[in-house]
Amino acid sequence: MQLPALAAWVLIIAGVWSLAVWPQFLRRVMKDPRARDAQGKATRFLTVHVVLVTVSMVFGVATAGIGVAGLFS
């Protein structure tokens, strides 16, 4: 894969950013009173946000991986 070094670094930084930011967001969501119902079960609010964070982190890993592959190819 041919990728300019600057573009590769942008992808790496974007991937690392996703991996740093999304877990902090999820911690705040899990503390939110809307995350659990009166019985302590997860609500749709929590489920949707867990899916959002999971997908975003997978994309973050993929983005960083593409950047690393482009940098070292």
C-alpha atoms as a PDB file:
ATOM      1  CA  MET A   1       0.000   0.000   0.000  1.00  0.00           C
ATOM      2  CA  GLN A   2       1.430   3.362  -0.991  1.00  0.00           C
ATOM      3  CA  LEU A   3       0.389   6.117   1.376  1.00  0.00           C
ATOM      4  CA  PRO A   4       2.149   9.436   1.945  1.00  0.00           C
ATOM      5  CA  ALA A   5       3.772   9.610   5.383  1.00  0.00           C
ATOM      6  CA  LEU A   6       1.655  12.607   6.404  1.00  0.00           C
ATOM      7  CA  ALA A   7      -1.568  10.754   5.564  1.00  0.00           C
ATOM      8  CA  ALA A   8      -0.356   7.689   7.441  1.00  0.00           C
ATOM      9  CA  TRP A   9       0.380   9.780  10.534  1.00  0.00           C
ATOM     10  CA  VAL A  10      -3.043  11.442  10.316  1.00  0.00           C
ATOM     11  CA  LEU A  11      -4.667   7.986  10.285  1.00  0.00           C
ATOM     12  CA  ILE A  12      -2.569   6.799  13.219  1.00  0.00           C
ATOM     13  CA  ILE A  13      -3.374   9.895  15.255  1.00  0.00           C
ATOM     14  CA  ALA A  14      -7.085   9.631  14.408  1.00  0.00           C
ATOM     15  CA  GLY A  15      -7.115   5.973  15.474  1.00  0.00           C
ATOM     16  CA  VAL A  16      -5.312   6.673  18.743  1.00  0.00           C
ATOM     17  CA  TRP A  17      -7.658   9.593  19.390  1.00  0.00           C
ATOM     18  CA  SER A  18     -10.684   7.290  19.034  1.00  0.00           C
ATOM     19  CA  LEU A  19      -9.152   4.746  21.372  1.00  0.00           C
ATOM     20  CA  ALA A  20      -8.438   7.444  23.959  1.00  0.00           C
ATOM     21  CA  VAL A  21     -11.721   9.359  23.821  1.00  0.00           C
ATOM     22  CA  TRP A  22     -14.442   6.725  23.500  1.00  0.00           C
ATOM     23  CA  PRO A  23     -13.702   4.773  26.714  1.00  0.00           C
ATOM     24  CA  GLN A  24     -13.934   8.015  28.711  1.00  0.00           C
ATOM     25  CA  PHE A  25     -17.285   8.740  27.078  1.00  0.00           C
ATOM     26  CA  LEU A  26     -18.555   5.259  27.946  1.00  0.00           C
ATOM     27  CA  ARG A  27     -17.549   5.702  31.593  1.00  0.00           C
ATOM     28  CA  ARG A  28     -19.668   8.854  31.766  1.00  0.00           C
ATOM     29  CA  VAL A  29     -22.593   7.150  30.033  1.00  0.00           C
ATOM     30  CA  MET A  30     -22.472   4.231  32.471  1.00  0.00           C
ATOM     31  CA  LYS A  31     -22.728   6.654  35.420  1.00  0.00           C
ATOM     32  CA  ASP A  32     -25.722   8.401  33.859  1.00  0.00           C
ATOM     33  CA  PRO A  33     -29.006   7.654  35.669  1.00  0.00           C
ATOM     34  CA  ARG A  34     -30.630   6.838  32.310  1.00  0.00           C
ATOM     35  CA  ALA A  35     -28.253   3.885  31.824  1.00  0.00           C
ATOM     36  CA  ARG A  36     -30.097   1.562  34.233  1.00  0.00           C
ATOM     37  CA  ASP A  37     -33.740   1.127  35.127  1.00  0.00           C
ATOM     38  CA  ALA A  38     -35.132   0.806  38.650  1.00  0.00           C
ATOM     39  CA  GLN A  39     -34.225  -2.903  38.758  1.00  0.00           C
ATOM     40  CA  GLY A  40     -30.644  -2.194  37.660  1.00  0.00           C
ATOM     41  CA  LYS A  41     -31.046  -3.586  34.155  1.00  0.00           C
ATOM     42  CA  ALA A  42     -29.402  -1.887  31.197  1.00  0.00           C
ATOM     43  CA  THR A  43     -31.699   0.448  29.294  1.00  0.00           C
ATOM     44  CA  ARG A  44     -31.763   1.137  25.568  1.00  0.00           C
ATOM     45  CA  PHE A  45     -29.842   4.320  26.314  1.00  0.00           C
ATOM     46  CA  LEU A  46     -26.918   2.268  27.621  1.00  0.00           C
ATOM     47  CA  THR A  47     -27.195  -0.418  24.943  1.00  0.00           C
ATOM     48  CA  VAL A  48     -27.132   2.107  22.096  1.00  0.00           C
ATOM     49  CA  HIS A  49     -24.130   3.876  23.571  1.00  0.00           C
ATOM     50  CA  VAL A  50     -22.223   0.634  24.159  1.00  0.00           C
ATOM     51  CA  VAL A  51     -22.784  -0.297  20.509  1.00  0.00           C
ATOM     52  CA  LEU A  52     -21.727   3.195  19.390  1.00  0.00           C
ATOM     53  CA  VAL A  53     -18.528   3.043  21.435  1.00  0.00           C
ATOM     54  CA  THR A  54     -17.725  -0.501  20.318  1.00  0.00           C
ATOM     55  CA  VAL A  55     -18.131   0.282  16.623  1.00  0.00           C
ATOM     56  CA  SER A  56     -16.174   3.512  16.980  1.00  0.00           C
ATOM     57  CA  MET A  57     -13.308   1.750  18.727  1.00  0.00           C
ATOM     58  CA  VAL A  58     -13.211  -0.981  16.076  1.00  0.00           C
ATOM     59  CA  PHE A  59     -12.999   1.745  13.426  1.00  0.00           C
ATOM     60  CA  GLY A  60     -10.304   3.446  15.509  1.00  0.00           C
ATOM     61  CA  VAL A  61      -8.207   0.275  15.576  1.00  0.00           C
ATOM     62  CA  ALA A  62      -8.732  -0.209  11.848  1.00  0.00           C
ATOM     63  CA  THR A  63      -7.838   3.412  11.102  1.00  0.00           C
ATOM     64  CA  ALA A  64      -4.657   3.242  13.159  1.00  0.00           C
ATOM     65  CA  GLY A  65      -3.800  -0.125  11.587  1.00  0.00           C
ATOM     66  CA  ILE A  66      -4.172   1.261   8.090  1.00  0.00           C
ATOM     67  CA  GLY A  67      -1.983   4.202   9.068  1.00  0.00           C
ATOM     68  CA  VAL A  68       0.719   1.907  10.467  1.00  0.00           C
ATOM     69  CA  ALA A  69       0.554  -0.323   7.390  1.00  0.00           C
ATOM     70  CA  GLY A  70       0.840   2.710   5.138  1.00  0.00           C
ATOM     71  CA  LEU A  71       3.732   4.131   7.116  1.00  0.00           C
ATOM     72  CA  PHE A  72       5.815   0.963   6.996  1.00  0.00           C
ATOM     73  CA  SER A  73       5.052  -0.213   3.470  1.00  0.00           C
END
